[in-house]
Amino acid sequence: DLSIDFAGIRSPNPFWLASAPPTNSGAQIHRAFEY
């Protein structure tokens, strides 16, 4: 189980994309979440 709670924010794992060109659209983030 890799799920985390960071500052009250839950996610299934600690691998998050930072604010940058790869997070500039819903399509990009949707693809990242699919992976």
PDB file of all heavy atoms in Angstrom:
ATOM      1  N   ASP A   1       0.857  -1.181   0.000  1.00  0.00           N
ATOM      2  CA  ASP A   1       0.000   0.000   0.000  1.00  0.00           C
ATOM      3  C   ASP A   1       0.898   1.238   0.000  1.00  0.00           C
ATOM      4  O   ASP A   1       1.620   1.481   0.957  1.00  0.00           O
ATOM      5  CB  ASP A   1      -0.893  -0.015   1.238  1.00  0.00           C
ATOM      6  CG  ASP A   1      -1.799   1.205   1.317  1.00  0.00           C
ATOM      7  OD1 ASP A   1      -1.859   1.987   0.346  1.00  0.00           O
ATOM      8  OD2 ASP A   1      -2.452   1.367   2.369  1.00  0.00           O
ATOM      9  N   LEU A   2       0.867   1.997  -1.066  1.00  0.00           N
ATOM     10  CA  LEU A   2       1.702   3.201  -1.197  1.00  0.00           C
ATOM     11  C   LEU A   2       0.908   4.477  -0.956  1.00  0.00           C
ATOM     12  O   LEU A   2       1.413   5.574  -1.174  1.00  0.00           O
ATOM     13  CB  LEU A   2       2.338   3.259  -2.592  1.00  0.00           C
ATOM     14  CG  LEU A   2       3.280   2.126  -2.964  1.00  0.00           C
ATOM     15  CD1 LEU A   2       3.784   2.319  -4.390  1.00  0.00           C
ATOM     16  CD2 LEU A   2       4.438   2.039  -1.996  1.00  0.00           C
ATOM     17  N   SER A   3      -0.345   4.345  -0.537  1.00  0.00           N
ATOM     18  CA  SER A   3      -1.188   5.532  -0.373  1.00  0.00           C
ATOM     19  C   SER A   3      -0.609   6.463   0.686  1.00  0.00           C
ATOM     20  O   SER A   3       0.056   6.030   1.630  1.00  0.00           O
ATOM     21  CB  SER A   3      -2.611   5.128  -0.012  1.00  0.00           C
ATOM     22  OG  SER A   3      -2.643   4.458   1.233  1.00  0.00           O
ATOM     23  N   ILE A   4      -0.850   7.745   0.495  1.00  0.00           N
ATOM     24  CA  ILE A   4      -0.323   8.757   1.403  1.00  0.00           C
ATOM     25  C   ILE A   4      -1.400   9.767   1.773  1.00  0.00           C
ATOM     26  O   ILE A   4      -2.418   9.883   1.102  1.00  0.00           O
ATOM     27  CB  ILE A   4       0.894   9.515   0.806  1.00  0.00           C
ATOM     28  CG1 ILE A   4       0.487  10.319  -0.442  1.00  0.00           C
ATOM     29  CG2 ILE A   4       2.032   8.566   0.510  1.00  0.00           C
ATOM     30  CD1 ILE A   4       1.482  11.369  -0.851  1.00  0.00           C
ATOM     31  N   ASP A   5      -1.111  10.475   2.855  1.00  0.00           N
ATOM     32  CA  ASP A   5      -1.901  11.623   3.275  1.00  0.00           C
ATOM     33  C   ASP A   5      -0.904  12.755   3.485  1.00  0.00           C
ATOM     34  O   ASP A   5      -0.092  12.712   4.404  1.00  0.00           O
ATOM     35  CB  ASP A   5      -2.644  11.310   4.580  1.00  0.00           C
ATOM     36  CG  ASP A   5      -3.526  12.460   5.036  1.00  0.00           C
ATOM     37  OD1 ASP A   5      -3.097  13.630   4.939  1.00  0.00           O
ATOM     38  OD2 ASP A   5      -4.636  12.189   5.506  1.00  0.00           O
ATOM     39  N   PHE A   6      -0.942  13.720   2.602  1.00  0.00           N
ATOM     40  CA  PHE A   6      -0.034  14.862   2.678  1.00  0.00           C
ATOM     41  C   PHE A   6      -0.869  16.110   2.928  1.00  0.00           C
ATOM     42  O   PHE A   6      -1.669  16.496   2.088  1.00  0.00           O
ATOM     43  CB  PHE A   6       0.762  15.005   1.376  1.00  0.00           C
ATOM     44  CG  PHE A   6       1.600  16.250   1.315  1.00  0.00           C
ATOM     45  CD1 PHE A   6       2.741  16.369   2.091  1.00  0.00           C
ATOM     46  CD2 PHE A   6       1.233  17.306   0.508  1.00  0.00           C
ATOM     47  CE1 PHE A   6       3.502  17.522   2.042  1.00  0.00           C
ATOM     48  CE2 PHE A   6       1.986  18.463   0.452  1.00  0.00           C
ATOM     49  CZ  PHE A   6       3.130  18.566   1.223  1.00  0.00           C
ATOM     50  N   ALA A   7      -0.719  16.681   4.103  1.00  0.00           N
ATOM     51  CA  ALA A   7      -1.452  17.900   4.473  1.00  0.00           C
ATOM     52  C   ALA A   7      -2.962  17.706   4.358  1.00  0.00           C
ATOM     53  O   ALA A   7      -3.693  18.625   3.997  1.00  0.00           O
ATOM     54  CB  ALA A   7      -0.983  19.092   3.640  1.00  0.00           C
ATOM     55  N   GLY A   8      -3.423  16.483   4.621  1.00  0.00           N
ATOM     56  CA  GLY A   8      -4.844  16.194   4.517  1.00  0.00           C
ATOM     57  C   GLY A   8      -5.299  15.820   3.119  1.00  0.00           C
ATOM     58  O   GLY A   8      -6.482  15.610   2.882  1.00  0.00           O
ATOM     59  N   ILE A   9      -4.363  15.719   2.190  1.00  0.00           N
ATOM     60  CA  ILE A   9      -4.673  15.367   0.804  1.00  0.00           C
ATOM     61  C   ILE A   9      -4.247  13.915   0.592  1.00  0.00           C
ATOM     62  O   ILE A   9      -3.085  13.578   0.763  1.00  0.00           O
ATOM     63  CB  ILE A   9      -3.931  16.283  -0.190  1.00  0.00           C
ATOM     64  CG1 ILE A   9      -4.304  17.748   0.066  1.00  0.00           C
ATOM     65  CG2 ILE A   9      -4.225  15.873  -1.626  1.00  0.00           C
ATOM     66  CD1 ILE A   9      -3.390  18.738  -0.615  1.00  0.00           C
ATOM     67  N   ARG A  10      -5.208  13.072   0.225  1.00  0.00           N
ATOM     68  CA  ARG A  10      -4.914  11.657   0.037  1.00  0.00           C
ATOM     69  C   ARG A  10      -4.659  11.355  -1.432  1.00  0.00           C
ATOM     70  O   ARG A  10      -5.246  11.978  -2.312  1.00  0.00           O
ATOM     71  CB  ARG A  10      -6.068  10.807   0.549  1.00  0.00           C
ATOM     72  CG  ARG A  10      -6.255  10.946   2.052  1.00  0.00           C
ATOM     73  CD  ARG A  10      -6.951   9.793   2.720  1.00  0.00           C
ATOM     74  NE  ARG A  10      -6.529   8.459   2.333  1.00  0.00           N
ATOM     75  CZ  ARG A  10      -5.440   7.826   2.787  1.00  0.00           C
ATOM     76  NH1 ARG A  10      -4.626   8.416   3.628  1.00  0.00           N
ATOM     77  NH2 ARG A  10      -5.165   6.602   2.391  1.00  0.00           N
ATOM     78  N   SER A  11      -3.757  10.396  -1.662  1.00  0.00           N
ATOM     79  CA  SER A  11      -3.539   9.906  -3.018  1.00  0.00           C
ATOM     80  C   SER A  11      -3.055   8.462  -2.928  1.00  0.00           C
ATOM     81  O   SER A  11      -2.544   8.042  -1.892  1.00  0.00           O
ATOM     82  CB  SER A  11      -2.548  10.788  -3.782  1.00  0.00           C
ATOM     83  OG  SER A  11      -1.230  10.572  -3.353  1.00  0.00           O
ATOM     84  N   PRO A  12      -3.213   7.706  -4.024  1.00  0.00           N
ATOM     85  CA  PRO A  12      -2.852   6.296  -3.986  1.00  0.00           C
ATOM     86  C   PRO A  12      -1.356   6.028  -3.902  1.00  0.00           C
ATOM     87  O   PRO A  12      -0.945   4.926  -3.570  1.00  0.00           O
ATOM     88  CB  PRO A  12      -3.439   5.735  -5.281  1.00  0.00           C
ATOM     89  CG  PRO A  12      -3.602   6.905  -6.179  1.00  0.00           C
ATOM     90  CD  PRO A  12      -3.836   8.085  -5.289  1.00  0.00           C
ATOM     91  N   ASN A  13      -0.540   7.033  -4.206  1.00  0.00           N
ATOM     92  CA  ASN A  13       0.910   6.877  -4.088  1.00  0.00           C
ATOM     93  C   ASN A  13       1.556   8.257  -3.984  1.00  0.00           C
ATOM     94  O   ASN A  13       0.910   9.277  -4.252  1.00  0.00           O
ATOM     95  CB  ASN A  13       1.480   6.061  -5.264  1.00  0.00           C
ATOM     96  CG  ASN A  13       1.312   6.751  -6.593  1.00  0.00           C
ATOM     97  OD1 ASN A  13       1.786   7.856  -6.822  1.00  0.00           O
ATOM     98  ND2 ASN A  13       0.611   6.078  -7.514  1.00  0.00           N
ATOM     99  N   PRO A  14       2.834   8.319  -3.593  1.00  0.00           N
ATOM    100  CA  PRO A  14       3.491   9.611  -3.391  1.00  0.00           C
ATOM    101  C   PRO A  14       4.106  10.212  -4.651  1.00  0.00           C
ATOM    102  O   PRO A  14       4.813  11.209  -4.571  1.00  0.00           O
ATOM    103  CB  PRO A  14       4.588   9.271  -2.384  1.00  0.00           C
ATOM    104  CG  PRO A  14       4.950   7.860  -2.699  1.00  0.00           C
ATOM    105  CD  PRO A  14       3.661   7.205  -3.123  1.00  0.00           C
ATOM    106  N   PHE A  15       3.821   9.650  -5.799  1.00  0.00           N
ATOM    107  CA  PHE A  15       4.425  10.119  -7.043  1.00  0.00           C
ATOM    108  C   PHE A  15       3.505  11.147  -7.693  1.00  0.00           C
ATOM    109  O   PHE A  15       2.459  10.802  -8.254  1.00  0.00           O
ATOM    110  CB  PHE A  15       4.725   8.933  -7.967  1.00  0.00           C
ATOM    111  CG  PHE A  15       5.603   7.922  -7.306  1.00  0.00           C
ATOM    112  CD1 PHE A  15       5.079   6.743  -6.812  1.00  0.00           C
ATOM    113  CD2 PHE A  15       6.953   8.180  -7.126  1.00  0.00           C
ATOM    114  CE1 PHE A  15       5.880   5.820  -6.175  1.00  0.00           C
ATOM    115  CE2 PHE A  15       7.764   7.269  -6.486  1.00  0.00           C
ATOM    116  CZ  PHE A  15       7.223   6.079  -5.997  1.00  0.00           C
ATOM    117  N   TRP A  16       3.898  12.406  -7.576  1.00  0.00           N
ATOM    118  CA  TRP A  16       3.098  13.517  -8.092  1.00  0.00           C
ATOM    119  C   TRP A  16       3.913  14.299  -9.110  1.00  0.00           C
ATOM    120  O   TRP A  16       5.130  14.468  -8.960  1.00  0.00           O
ATOM    121  CB  TRP A  16       2.710  14.482  -6.970  1.00  0.00           C
ATOM    122  CG  TRP A  16       1.786  13.948  -5.924  1.00  0.00           C
ATOM    123  CD1 TRP A  16       1.370  12.665  -5.736  1.00  0.00           C
ATOM    124  CD2 TRP A  16       1.171  14.712  -4.894  1.00  0.00           C
ATOM    125  NE1 TRP A  16       0.544  12.582  -4.663  1.00  0.00           N
ATOM    126  CE2 TRP A  16       0.399  13.815  -4.123  1.00  0.00           C
ATOM    127  CE3 TRP A  16       1.192  16.053  -4.548  1.00  0.00           C
ATOM    128  CZ2 TRP A  16      -0.346  14.240  -3.015  1.00  0.00           C
ATOM    129  CZ3 TRP A  16       0.449  16.466  -3.458  1.00  0.00           C
ATOM    130  CH2 TRP A  16      -0.318  15.570  -2.697  1.00  0.00           C
ATOM    131  N   LEU A  17       3.242  14.800 -10.120  1.00  0.00           N
ATOM    132  CA  LEU A  17       3.877  15.710 -11.072  1.00  0.00           C
ATOM    133  C   LEU A  17       3.858  17.120 -10.497  1.00  0.00           C
ATOM    134  O   LEU A  17       2.854  17.554  -9.927  1.00  0.00           O
ATOM    135  CB  LEU A  17       3.121  15.710 -12.401  1.00  0.00           C
ATOM    136  CG  LEU A  17       3.219  14.433 -13.228  1.00  0.00           C
ATOM    137  CD1 LEU A  17       2.250  14.484 -14.396  1.00  0.00           C
ATOM    138  CD2 LEU A  17       4.640  14.221 -13.721  1.00  0.00           C
ATOM    139  N   ALA A  18       4.954  17.831 -10.656  1.00  0.00           N
ATOM    140  CA  ALA A  18       5.048  19.216 -10.191  1.00  0.00           C
ATOM    141  C   ALA A  18       4.390  20.144 -11.205  1.00  0.00           C
ATOM    142  O   ALA A  18       4.160  19.787 -12.361  1.00  0.00           O
ATOM    143  CB  ALA A  18       6.513  19.607 -10.012  1.00  0.00           C
ATOM    144  N   SER A  19       4.112  21.345 -10.754  1.00  0.00           N
ATOM    145  CA  SER A  19       3.561  22.383 -11.617  1.00  0.00           C
ATOM    146  C   SER A  19       4.613  22.750 -12.666  1.00  0.00           C
ATOM    147  O   SER A  19       5.663  23.285 -12.334  1.00  0.00           O
ATOM    148  CB  SER A  19       3.212  23.608 -10.764  1.00  0.00           C
ATOM    149  OG  SER A  19       2.856  24.682 -11.590  1.00  0.00           O
ATOM    150  N   ALA A  20       4.325  22.441 -13.926  1.00  0.00           N
ATOM    151  CA  ALA A  20       5.293  22.628 -15.009  1.00  0.00           C
ATOM    152  C   ALA A  20       4.594  22.362 -16.341  1.00  0.00           C
ATOM    153  O   ALA A  20       3.408  22.007 -16.354  1.00  0.00           O
ATOM    154  CB  ALA A  20       6.470  21.660 -14.814  1.00  0.00           C
ATOM    155  N   PRO A  21       5.283  22.481 -17.466  1.00  0.00           N
ATOM    156  CA  PRO A  21       4.640  22.216 -18.755  1.00  0.00           C
ATOM    157  C   PRO A  21       3.905  20.875 -18.850  1.00  0.00           C
ATOM    158  O   PRO A  21       2.843  20.816 -19.476  1.00  0.00           O
ATOM    159  CB  PRO A  21       5.801  22.318 -19.752  1.00  0.00           C
ATOM    160  CG  PRO A  21       6.703  23.342 -19.128  1.00  0.00           C
ATOM    161  CD  PRO A  21       6.645  23.051 -17.651  1.00  0.00           C
ATOM    162  N   PRO A  22       4.366  19.782 -18.215  1.00  0.00           N
ATOM    163  CA  PRO A  22       3.613  18.523 -18.323  1.00  0.00           C
ATOM    164  C   PRO A  22       2.261  18.512 -17.606  1.00  0.00           C
ATOM    165  O   PRO A  22       1.500  17.569 -17.741  1.00  0.00           O
ATOM    166  CB  PRO A  22       4.550  17.481 -17.704  1.00  0.00           C
ATOM    167  CG  PRO A  22       5.904  18.076 -17.792  1.00  0.00           C
ATOM    168  CD  PRO A  22       5.695  19.548 -17.636  1.00  0.00           C
ATOM    169  N   THR A  23       1.959  19.566 -16.821  1.00  0.00           N
ATOM    170  CA  THR A  23       0.666  19.621 -16.124  1.00  0.00           C
ATOM    171  C   THR A  23      -0.161  20.819 -16.596  1.00  0.00           C
ATOM    172  O   THR A  23      -0.958  21.366 -15.853  1.00  0.00           O
ATOM    173  CB  THR A  23       0.866  19.684 -14.596  1.00  0.00           C
ATOM    174  OG1 THR A  23       1.568  20.880 -14.257  1.00  0.00           O
ATOM    175  CG2 THR A  23       1.612  18.478 -14.083  1.00  0.00           C
ATOM    176  N   ASN A  24       0.019  21.192 -17.846  1.00  0.00           N
ATOM    177  CA  ASN A  24      -0.622  22.385 -18.390  1.00  0.00           C
ATOM    178  C   ASN A  24      -2.026  22.150 -18.930  1.00  0.00           C
ATOM    179  O   ASN A  24      -2.690  23.096 -19.328  1.00  0.00           O
ATOM    180  CB  ASN A  24       0.256  22.988 -19.500  1.00  0.00           C
ATOM    181  CG  ASN A  24      -0.192  24.371 -19.901  1.00  0.00           C
ATOM    182  OD1 ASN A  24      -0.623  25.172 -19.079  1.00  0.00           O
ATOM    183  ND2 ASN A  24      -0.110  24.670 -21.192  1.00  0.00           N
ATOM    184  N   SER A  25      -2.492  20.901 -18.938  1.00  0.00           N
ATOM    185  CA  SER A  25      -3.835  20.664 -19.471  1.00  0.00           C
ATOM    186  C   SER A  25      -4.437  19.414 -18.850  1.00  0.00           C
ATOM    187  O   SER A  25      -3.729  18.541 -18.348  1.00  0.00           O
ATOM    188  CB  SER A  25      -3.802  20.509 -20.997  1.00  0.00           C
ATOM    189  OG  SER A  25      -3.249  19.260 -21.352  1.00  0.00           O
ATOM    190  N   GLY A  26      -5.747  19.343 -18.954  1.00  0.00           N
ATOM    191  CA  GLY A  26      -6.445  18.163 -18.475  1.00  0.00           C
ATOM    192  C   GLY A  26      -6.017  16.910 -19.207  1.00  0.00           C
ATOM    193  O   GLY A  26      -5.890  15.839 -18.600  1.00  0.00           O
ATOM    194  N   ALA A  27      -5.785  17.012 -20.516  1.00  0.00           N
ATOM    195  CA  ALA A  27      -5.375  15.834 -21.299  1.00  0.00           C
ATOM    196  C   ALA A  27      -4.044  15.286 -20.793  1.00  0.00           C
ATOM    197  O   ALA A  27      -3.871  14.062 -20.687  1.00  0.00           O
ATOM    198  CB  ALA A  27      -5.270  16.202 -22.775  1.00  0.00           C
ATOM    199  N   GLN A  28      -3.113  16.173 -20.472  1.00  0.00           N
ATOM    200  CA  GLN A  28      -1.807  15.720 -19.985  1.00  0.00           C
ATOM    201  C   GLN A  28      -1.927  15.043 -18.626  1.00  0.00           C
ATOM    202  O   GLN A  28      -1.325  13.993 -18.382  1.00  0.00           O
ATOM    203  CB  GLN A  28      -0.850  16.911 -19.890  1.00  0.00           C
ATOM    204  CG  GLN A  28      -0.450  17.471 -21.239  1.00  0.00           C
ATOM    205  CD  GLN A  28       0.270  18.796 -21.078  1.00  0.00           C
ATOM    206  OE1 GLN A  28      -0.330  19.789 -20.687  1.00  0.00           O
ATOM    207  NE2 GLN A  28       1.559  18.795 -21.370  1.00  0.00           N
ATOM    208  N   ILE A  29      -2.699  15.624 -17.730  1.00  0.00           N
ATOM    209  CA  ILE A  29      -2.839  15.054 -16.391  1.00  0.00           C
ATOM    210  C   ILE A  29      -3.650  13.767 -16.456  1.00  0.00           C
ATOM    211  O   ILE A  29      -3.324  12.785 -15.772  1.00  0.00           O
ATOM    212  CB  ILE A  29      -3.427  16.090 -15.418  1.00  0.00           C
ATOM    213  CG1 ILE A  29      -2.393  17.210 -15.220  1.00  0.00           C
ATOM    214  CG2 ILE A  29      -3.796  15.439 -14.092  1.00  0.00           C
ATOM    215  CD1 ILE A  29      -2.856  18.366 -14.374  1.00  0.00           C
ATOM    216  N   HIS A  30      -4.662  13.717 -17.294  1.00  0.00           N
ATOM    217  CA  HIS A  30      -5.436  12.483 -17.474  1.00  0.00           C
ATOM    218  C   HIS A  30      -4.502  11.350 -17.907  1.00  0.00           C
ATOM    219  O   HIS A  30      -4.565  10.233 -17.366  1.00  0.00           O
ATOM    220  CB  HIS A  30      -6.537  12.716 -18.514  1.00  0.00           C
ATOM    221  CG  HIS A  30      -7.398  11.528 -18.766  1.00  0.00           C
ATOM    222  ND1 HIS A  30      -8.363  11.108 -17.882  1.00  0.00           N
ATOM    223  CD2 HIS A  30      -7.429  10.647 -19.800  1.00  0.00           C
ATOM    224  CE1 HIS A  30      -8.958  10.022 -18.353  1.00  0.00           C
ATOM    225  NE2 HIS A  30      -8.410   9.735 -19.518  1.00  0.00           N
ATOM    226  N   ARG A  31      -3.631  11.625 -18.865  1.00  0.00           N
ATOM    227  CA  ARG A  31      -2.684  10.618 -19.352  1.00  0.00           C
ATOM    228  C   ARG A  31      -1.745  10.177 -18.227  1.00  0.00           C
ATOM    229  O   ARG A  31      -1.473   8.989 -18.057  1.00  0.00           O
ATOM    230  CB  ARG A  31      -1.882  11.182 -20.528  1.00  0.00           C
ATOM    231  CG  ARG A  31      -1.085  10.129 -21.270  1.00  0.00           C
ATOM    232  CD  ARG A  31      -0.435  10.665 -22.555  1.00  0.00           C
ATOM    233  NE  ARG A  31      -1.351  11.447 -23.360  1.00  0.00           N
ATOM    234  CZ  ARG A  31      -1.180  12.748 -23.641  1.00  0.00           C
ATOM    235  NH1 ARG A  31      -0.146  13.401 -23.201  1.00  0.00           N
ATOM    236  NH2 ARG A  31      -2.062  13.389 -24.377  1.00  0.00           N
ATOM    237  N   ALA A  32      -1.269  11.135 -17.434  1.00  0.00           N
ATOM    238  CA  ALA A  32      -0.376  10.796 -16.318  1.00  0.00           C
ATOM    239  C   ALA A  32      -1.088   9.890 -15.316  1.00  0.00           C
ATOM    240  O   ALA A  32      -0.509   8.908 -14.830  1.00  0.00           O
ATOM    241  CB  ALA A  32       0.107  12.070 -15.632  1.00  0.00           C
ATOM    242  N   PHE A  33      -2.339  10.191 -15.020  1.00  0.00           N
ATOM    243  CA  PHE A  33      -3.091   9.373 -14.073  1.00  0.00           C
ATOM    244  C   PHE A  33      -3.342   7.970 -14.649  1.00  0.00           C
ATOM    245  O   PHE A  33      -3.316   6.986 -13.920  1.00  0.00           O
ATOM    246  CB  PHE A  33      -4.392  10.048 -13.680  1.00  0.00           C
ATOM    247  CG  PHE A  33      -4.218  11.246 -12.771  1.00  0.00           C
ATOM    248  CD1 PHE A  33      -5.290  12.081 -12.503  1.00  0.00           C
ATOM    249  CD2 PHE A  33      -2.999  11.539 -12.173  1.00  0.00           C
ATOM    250  CE1 PHE A  33      -5.142  13.176 -11.652  1.00  0.00           C
ATOM    251  CE2 PHE A  33      -2.842  12.634 -11.341  1.00  0.00           C
ATOM    252  CZ  PHE A  33      -3.921  13.459 -11.075  1.00  0.00           C
ATOM    253  N   GLU A  34      -3.577   7.886 -15.960  1.00  0.00           N
ATOM    254  CA  GLU A  34      -3.727   6.563 -16.582  1.00  0.00           C
ATOM    255  C   GLU A  34      -2.464   5.727 -16.398  1.00  0.00           C
ATOM    256  O   GLU A  34      -2.545   4.512 -16.265  1.00  0.00           O
ATOM    257  CB  GLU A  34      -4.027   6.705 -18.079  1.00  0.00           C
ATOM    258  CG  GLU A  34      -5.434   7.145 -18.392  1.00  0.00           C
ATOM    259  CD  GLU A  34      -5.695   7.241 -19.884  1.00  0.00           C
ATOM    260  OE1 GLU A  34      -4.764   7.611 -20.645  1.00  0.00           O
ATOM    261  OE2 GLU A  34      -6.827   6.945 -20.287  1.00  0.00           O
ATOM    262  N   TYR A  35      -1.316   6.364 -16.393  1.00  0.00           N
ATOM    263  CA  TYR A  35      -0.040   5.661 -16.229  1.00  0.00           C
ATOM    264  C   TYR A  35       0.339   5.446 -14.766  1.00  0.00           C
ATOM    265  O   TYR A  35       1.402   4.929 -14.475  1.00  0.00           O
ATOM    266  CB  TYR A  35       1.075   6.393 -16.978  1.00  0.00           C
ATOM    267  CG  TYR A  35       1.039   6.123 -18.459  1.00  0.00           C
ATOM    268  CD1 TYR A  35       0.475   7.037 -19.336  1.00  0.00           C
ATOM    269  CD2 TYR A  35       1.538   4.932 -18.981  1.00  0.00           C
ATOM    270  CE1 TYR A  35       0.418   6.783 -20.702  1.00  0.00           C
ATOM    271  CE2 TYR A  35       1.491   4.671 -20.340  1.00  0.00           C
ATOM    272  CZ  TYR A  35       0.929   5.598 -21.190  1.00  0.00           C
ATOM    273  OH  TYR A  35       0.869   5.333 -22.542  1.00  0.00           O
TER     274      TYR A  35
END
